[in-house]
Amino acid sequence: MTIIIKSETPTSTTATDLIRDLSAELARQYPDSHGGDGAGAFKPQDVMIPRAVFVVAWEDDTPVGCGALRPMDEETVGEVKRMYVRPGMRGKGISRLILSALEEQARGFGYRALRLETGLRQTEALGLYQSAGYQLIPCYGIYVNEPLSRCYEKML
């Protein structure tokens, strides 16, 4: 299995299909959070600005996952968003490849730290971020009063 990570326009059919599938999965896991549609605080326009990127993981001609990076209010901090791997492709290290690609982009953008939010019910995501060196931090922004949210930071 060869996985290639490529930048993609977040409004492309490939990207919107992956985002839709992720949002549907999150809506099932968290029906009462962030409006219940699973979209969270992400809009494609969030990564159509400088120092932002949307990436897609490909196995041959098949898109199997995605992730995004956008700037935060602080000049040196980026935020990881929309991390997703299709269910049939999980457990193969693809999410780690996506996260590594986003971290590499972040360094190129001059970020010194990355933050992210994930949900308490996403045990695989919690494990991924902790094993990749992300440290639990107090929740920020819209996640401050979300009891199922967990926020992390990694210094680059």
Protein backbone atom coordinates (compact mmCIF):
# COMPACT_ATOMS: atom_id res chain seq x y z
CA MET A 1 0.00 0.00 0.00
CA THR A 2 1.41 3.35 -1.08
CA ILE A 3 -0.18 6.49 0.34
CA ILE A 4 0.45 9.89 -1.22
CA ILE A 5 -0.53 13.10 0.59
CA LYS A 6 -1.40 16.01 -1.72
CA SER A 7 -2.74 19.51 -1.21
CA GLU A 8 -6.29 19.87 -2.47
CA THR A 9 -8.76 22.70 -2.87
CA PRO A 10 -11.25 22.25 0.00
CA THR A 11 -14.15 22.94 -2.35
CA SER A 12 -13.23 20.15 -4.78
CA THR A 13 -15.56 17.17 -5.13
CA THR A 14 -12.95 14.94 -3.46
CA ALA A 15 -12.57 17.26 -0.47
CA THR A 16 -16.28 17.92 -0.05
CA ASP A 17 -17.03 14.18 -0.15
CA LEU A 18 -14.47 13.49 2.59
CA ILE A 19 -15.67 16.44 4.70
CA ARG A 20 -19.29 15.30 4.28
CA ASP A 21 -18.43 11.76 5.40
CA LEU A 22 -16.49 13.04 8.42
CA SER A 23 -19.29 15.42 9.37
CA ALA A 24 -21.87 12.62 9.13
CA GLU A 25 -19.74 10.38 11.36
CA LEU A 26 -19.28 13.14 13.94
CA ALA A 27 -23.00 13.94 13.87
CA ARG A 28 -23.74 10.32 14.79
CA GLN A 29 -21.16 10.37 17.61
CA TYR A 30 -22.09 13.82 18.97
CA PRO A 31 -25.70 14.58 18.01
CA ASP A 32 -26.03 17.39 20.58
CA SER A 33 -22.70 19.17 19.98
CA HIS A 34 -21.98 22.18 17.75
CA GLY A 35 -25.39 22.19 16.11
CA GLY A 36 -25.53 18.41 15.64
CA ASP A 37 -24.42 18.41 11.98
CA GLY A 38 -20.83 17.32 12.65
CA ALA A 39 -19.36 20.31 10.81
CA GLY A 40 -17.92 21.79 13.98
CA ALA A 41 -16.20 25.12 13.50
CA PHE A 42 -14.91 24.42 9.99
CA LYS A 43 -15.74 26.00 6.68
CA PRO A 44 -13.76 25.37 3.47
CA GLN A 45 -12.95 29.10 3.32
CA ASP A 46 -10.96 28.62 6.55
CA VAL A 47 -8.18 26.97 4.56
CA MET A 48 -8.36 29.10 1.42
CA ILE A 49 -6.20 31.79 2.99
CA PRO A 50 -2.45 32.28 3.46
CA ARG A 51 -0.70 29.86 5.82
CA ALA A 52 -3.50 27.30 5.51
CA VAL A 53 -3.81 24.03 3.63
CA PHE A 54 -6.19 21.14 3.02
CA VAL A 55 -4.60 17.78 2.24
CA VAL A 56 -5.96 14.50 0.91
CA ALA A 57 -4.42 11.08 1.39
CA TRP A 58 -4.58 8.94 -1.76
CA GLU A 59 -4.11 5.22 -2.26
CA ASP A 60 -3.63 4.97 -6.01
CA ASP A 61 -6.60 6.92 -7.43
CA THR A 62 -8.76 6.59 -4.32
CA PRO A 63 -9.05 9.35 -1.70
CA VAL A 64 -8.81 7.68 1.71
CA GLY A 65 -8.45 10.55 4.17
CA CYS A 66 -7.92 14.24 4.74
CA GLY A 67 -6.77 16.93 7.12
CA ALA A 68 -6.53 20.70 7.28
CA LEU A 69 -4.40 23.37 8.84
CA ARG A 70 -5.41 26.96 9.45
CA PRO A 71 -3.91 29.90 11.31
CA MET A 72 -5.14 30.87 14.75
CA ASP A 73 -5.23 34.39 16.15
CA GLU A 74 -1.68 34.04 17.41
CA GLU A 75 0.87 34.53 14.60
CA THR A 76 2.91 31.46 15.51
CA VAL A 77 0.07 28.98 16.19
CA GLY A 78 -1.82 26.86 13.68
CA GLU A 79 -4.85 24.66 14.20
CA VAL A 80 -5.32 21.14 12.86
CA LYS A 81 -8.85 20.53 11.55
CA ARG A 82 -10.87 17.89 9.68
CA MET A 83 -8.60 14.91 10.33
CA TYR A 84 -10.36 11.90 8.82
CA VAL A 85 -9.63 8.47 7.42
CA ARG A 86 -12.33 6.40 5.76
CA PRO A 87 -13.44 3.54 8.05
CA GLY A 88 -12.17 0.75 5.78
CA MET A 89 -8.68 2.27 5.72
CA ARG A 90 -8.22 2.83 9.44
CA GLY A 91 -5.48 1.14 11.43
CA LYS A 92 -2.94 1.42 8.59
CA GLY A 93 -1.07 4.53 9.75
CA ILE A 94 -2.75 6.90 7.30
CA SER A 95 -3.84 9.39 9.96
CA ARG A 96 -0.24 9.59 11.18
CA LEU A 97 0.92 10.34 7.61
CA ILE A 98 -1.71 13.08 7.27
CA LEU A 99 -0.76 14.59 10.63
CA SER A 100 2.95 14.49 9.75
CA ALA A 101 2.24 16.23 6.43
CA LEU A 102 0.29 18.95 8.23
CA GLU A 103 3.10 19.40 10.76
CA GLU A 104 5.61 19.75 7.92
CA GLN A 105 3.41 22.37 6.25
CA ALA A 106 3.06 24.16 9.60
CA ARG A 107 6.82 24.41 10.00
CA GLY A 108 7.04 25.83 6.47
CA PHE A 109 4.40 28.43 7.37
CA GLY A 110 6.47 29.48 10.39
CA TYR A 111 4.18 28.09 13.08
CA ARG A 112 5.89 27.19 16.35
CA ALA A 113 2.95 25.27 17.78
CA LEU A 114 -0.15 23.41 16.62
CA ARG A 115 -3.42 23.08 18.51
CA LEU A 116 -6.41 20.90 17.89
CA GLU A 117 -9.68 19.77 19.36
CA THR A 118 -11.05 16.27 19.28
CA GLY A 119 -13.86 14.49 21.05
CA LEU A 120 -13.75 12.25 24.07
CA ARG A 121 -15.59 9.53 22.10
CA GLN A 122 -12.86 9.41 19.43
CA THR A 123 -10.51 7.13 21.30
CA GLU A 124 -8.33 6.39 18.26
CA ALA A 125 -7.81 10.11 17.66
CA LEU A 126 -6.91 10.67 21.31
CA GLY A 127 -4.32 7.90 21.06
CA LEU A 128 -2.91 9.26 17.79
CA TYR A 129 -2.42 12.77 19.09
CA GLN A 130 -0.90 11.67 22.39
CA SER A 131 1.50 9.26 20.67
CA ALA A 132 2.48 12.03 18.22
CA GLY A 133 3.58 14.29 21.07
CA TYR A 134 0.50 16.43 21.57
CA GLN A 135 -0.12 17.51 25.16
CA LEU A 136 -3.54 18.00 26.73
CA ILE A 137 -4.31 21.70 27.27
CA PRO A 138 -7.36 23.61 28.55
CA CYS A 139 -10.01 23.83 25.88
CA TYR A 140 -9.99 27.05 23.87
CA GLY A 141 -12.45 29.11 21.87
CA ILE A 142 -15.84 27.53 21.23
CA TYR A 143 -14.71 24.35 22.98
CA VAL A 144 -14.28 25.89 26.46
CA ASN A 145 -17.64 24.70 27.77
CA GLU A 146 -17.89 21.49 25.75
CA PRO A 147 -17.63 18.58 28.21
CA LEU A 148 -16.87 16.06 25.43
CA SER A 149 -14.05 18.15 23.90
CA ARG A 150 -10.37 17.55 24.47
CA CYS A 151 -7.82 20.08 23.26
CA TYR A 152 -4.16 19.44 22.56
CA GLU A 153 -1.03 21.36 21.63
CA LYS A 154 2.33 20.39 20.23
CA MET A 155 5.38 22.59 20.04
CA LEU A 156 7.09 22.23 16.67
